């Protein structure tokens, strides 16, 4: 499973950020690793670095699934870490539901 991370110009892409995002994605969908080919993570500061807001950090995750349409989730939070963790939780539930439905058929 490939994890691709994209940040907007207002979020500094550091090694620590990359490792944290990869760990969150692996924790969320690692059990589906053989059925998820790629996860793209997009991080954005929606209000830019000039303004602070209660939910101005956005994390969108899109998982590419074998034989299925991609699924995407988004989470807004005050910090990048919280946005990543929230999106990872949503992605885990969403991907789990997709594969549970496939097994029910």
Protein backbone atom coordinates (compact mmCIF):
# COMPACT_ATOMS: atom_id res chain seq x y z
CA UNK A 1 0.00 0.00 0.00
CA UNK A 2 1.37 3.36 -1.05
CA UNK A 3 0.70 6.46 1.07
CA UNK A 4 1.03 9.76 -0.79
CA UNK A 5 0.95 13.00 1.21
CA UNK A 6 0.19 16.39 -0.31
CA UNK A 7 0.26 19.65 1.67
CA UNK A 8 -0.78 23.15 0.76
CA UNK A 9 1.81 25.96 0.99
CA UNK A 10 0.67 26.85 4.53
CA UNK A 11 1.53 23.45 6.03
CA UNK A 12 5.18 22.53 6.28
CA UNK A 13 5.86 19.02 5.03
CA UNK A 14 8.36 17.57 7.50
CA UNK A 15 9.70 14.08 8.08
CA UNK A 16 7.84 14.01 11.40
CA UNK A 17 4.56 14.91 9.68
CA UNK A 18 5.12 12.26 7.00
CA UNK A 19 5.86 9.57 9.58
CA UNK A 20 2.83 10.52 11.65
CA UNK A 21 0.47 10.48 8.67
CA UNK A 22 1.83 7.15 7.43
CA UNK A 23 1.42 5.66 10.92
CA UNK A 24 -2.19 6.88 11.15
CA UNK A 25 -3.06 5.51 7.70
CA UNK A 26 -1.39 2.16 8.39
CA UNK A 27 -3.15 1.88 11.74
CA UNK A 28 -6.50 2.69 10.11
CA UNK A 29 -6.43 0.49 7.00
CA UNK A 30 -3.40 -1.75 7.48
CA UNK A 31 -5.62 -4.79 7.93
CA UNK A 32 -6.89 -4.18 4.38
CA UNK A 33 -3.38 -3.68 2.98
CA UNK A 34 -3.78 -6.43 0.39
CA UNK A 35 -6.98 -4.76 -0.93
CA UNK A 36 -5.98 -1.08 -0.74
CA UNK A 37 -3.45 -0.07 -3.38
CA UNK A 38 -2.94 3.58 -2.46
CA UNK A 39 -4.07 6.22 0.01
CA UNK A 40 -3.71 9.87 -0.93
CA UNK A 41 -3.69 12.34 1.94
CA UNK A 42 -4.32 16.03 1.30
CA UNK A 43 -3.62 18.50 4.13
CA UNK A 44 -4.80 22.07 3.99
CA UNK A 45 -4.94 25.10 6.25
CA UNK A 46 -8.26 26.50 5.03
CA UNK A 47 -7.83 29.92 6.63
CA UNK A 48 -4.13 30.21 5.75
CA UNK A 49 -1.41 30.85 8.26
CA UNK A 50 -2.67 34.42 8.85
CA UNK A 51 -5.82 33.38 10.71
CA UNK A 52 -6.61 30.89 13.45
CA UNK A 53 -9.88 29.00 13.60
CA UNK A 54 -11.43 26.24 15.61
CA UNK A 55 -11.55 23.91 12.63
CA UNK A 56 -9.32 25.41 9.99
CA UNK A 57 -7.11 22.37 9.33
CA UNK A 58 -8.54 19.98 6.73
CA UNK A 59 -7.45 16.43 6.01
CA UNK A 60 -8.91 14.59 3.05
CA UNK A 61 -8.00 10.93 2.53
CA UNK A 62 -8.81 8.98 -0.60
CA UNK A 63 -8.29 5.22 -0.67
CA UNK A 64 -7.94 3.33 -3.93
CA UNK A 65 -9.48 -0.10 -3.52
CA UNK A 66 -8.90 -3.18 -5.67
CA UNK A 67 -11.89 -3.72 -7.92
CA UNK A 68 -13.95 -0.94 -6.35
CA UNK A 69 -14.45 2.79 -6.74
CA UNK A 70 -12.20 4.97 -4.59
CA UNK A 71 -13.57 6.19 -1.27
CA UNK A 72 -12.82 9.57 0.26
CA UNK A 73 -13.32 11.12 3.69
CA UNK A 74 -12.66 14.59 5.08
CA UNK A 75 -12.14 15.85 8.60
CA UNK A 76 -11.71 19.41 9.91
CA UNK A 77 -9.96 20.12 13.23
CA UNK A 78 -7.96 22.82 15.06
CA UNK A 79 -4.63 21.03 14.46
CA UNK A 80 -3.16 19.00 11.61
CA UNK A 81 -2.64 16.02 13.92
CA UNK A 82 -6.28 16.01 15.01
CA UNK A 83 -7.44 16.39 11.40
CA UNK A 84 -5.29 13.43 10.30
CA UNK A 85 -6.46 11.23 13.17
CA UNK A 86 -10.11 12.13 12.58
CA UNK A 87 -9.86 11.41 8.86
CA UNK A 88 -8.03 8.13 9.54
CA UNK A 89 -10.84 7.02 11.88
CA UNK A 90 -13.44 7.86 9.24
CA UNK A 91 -11.43 6.07 6.54
CA UNK A 92 -11.17 2.93 8.67
CA UNK A 93 -14.94 2.81 9.15
CA UNK A 94 -15.69 3.60 5.51
CA UNK A 95 -13.27 1.05 4.03
CA UNK A 96 -14.45 -1.54 6.56
CA UNK A 97 -18.06 -1.04 5.48
CA UNK A 98 -17.14 -1.37 1.79
CA UNK A 99 -15.37 -4.68 2.32
CA UNK A 100 -18.05 -5.97 4.72
CA UNK A 101 -20.66 -5.35 2.00
CA UNK A 102 -18.53 -7.23 -0.52
CA UNK A 103 -18.41 -10.25 1.77
CA UNK A 104 -22.18 -10.14 2.31
CA UNK A 105 -22.86 -10.43 -1.43
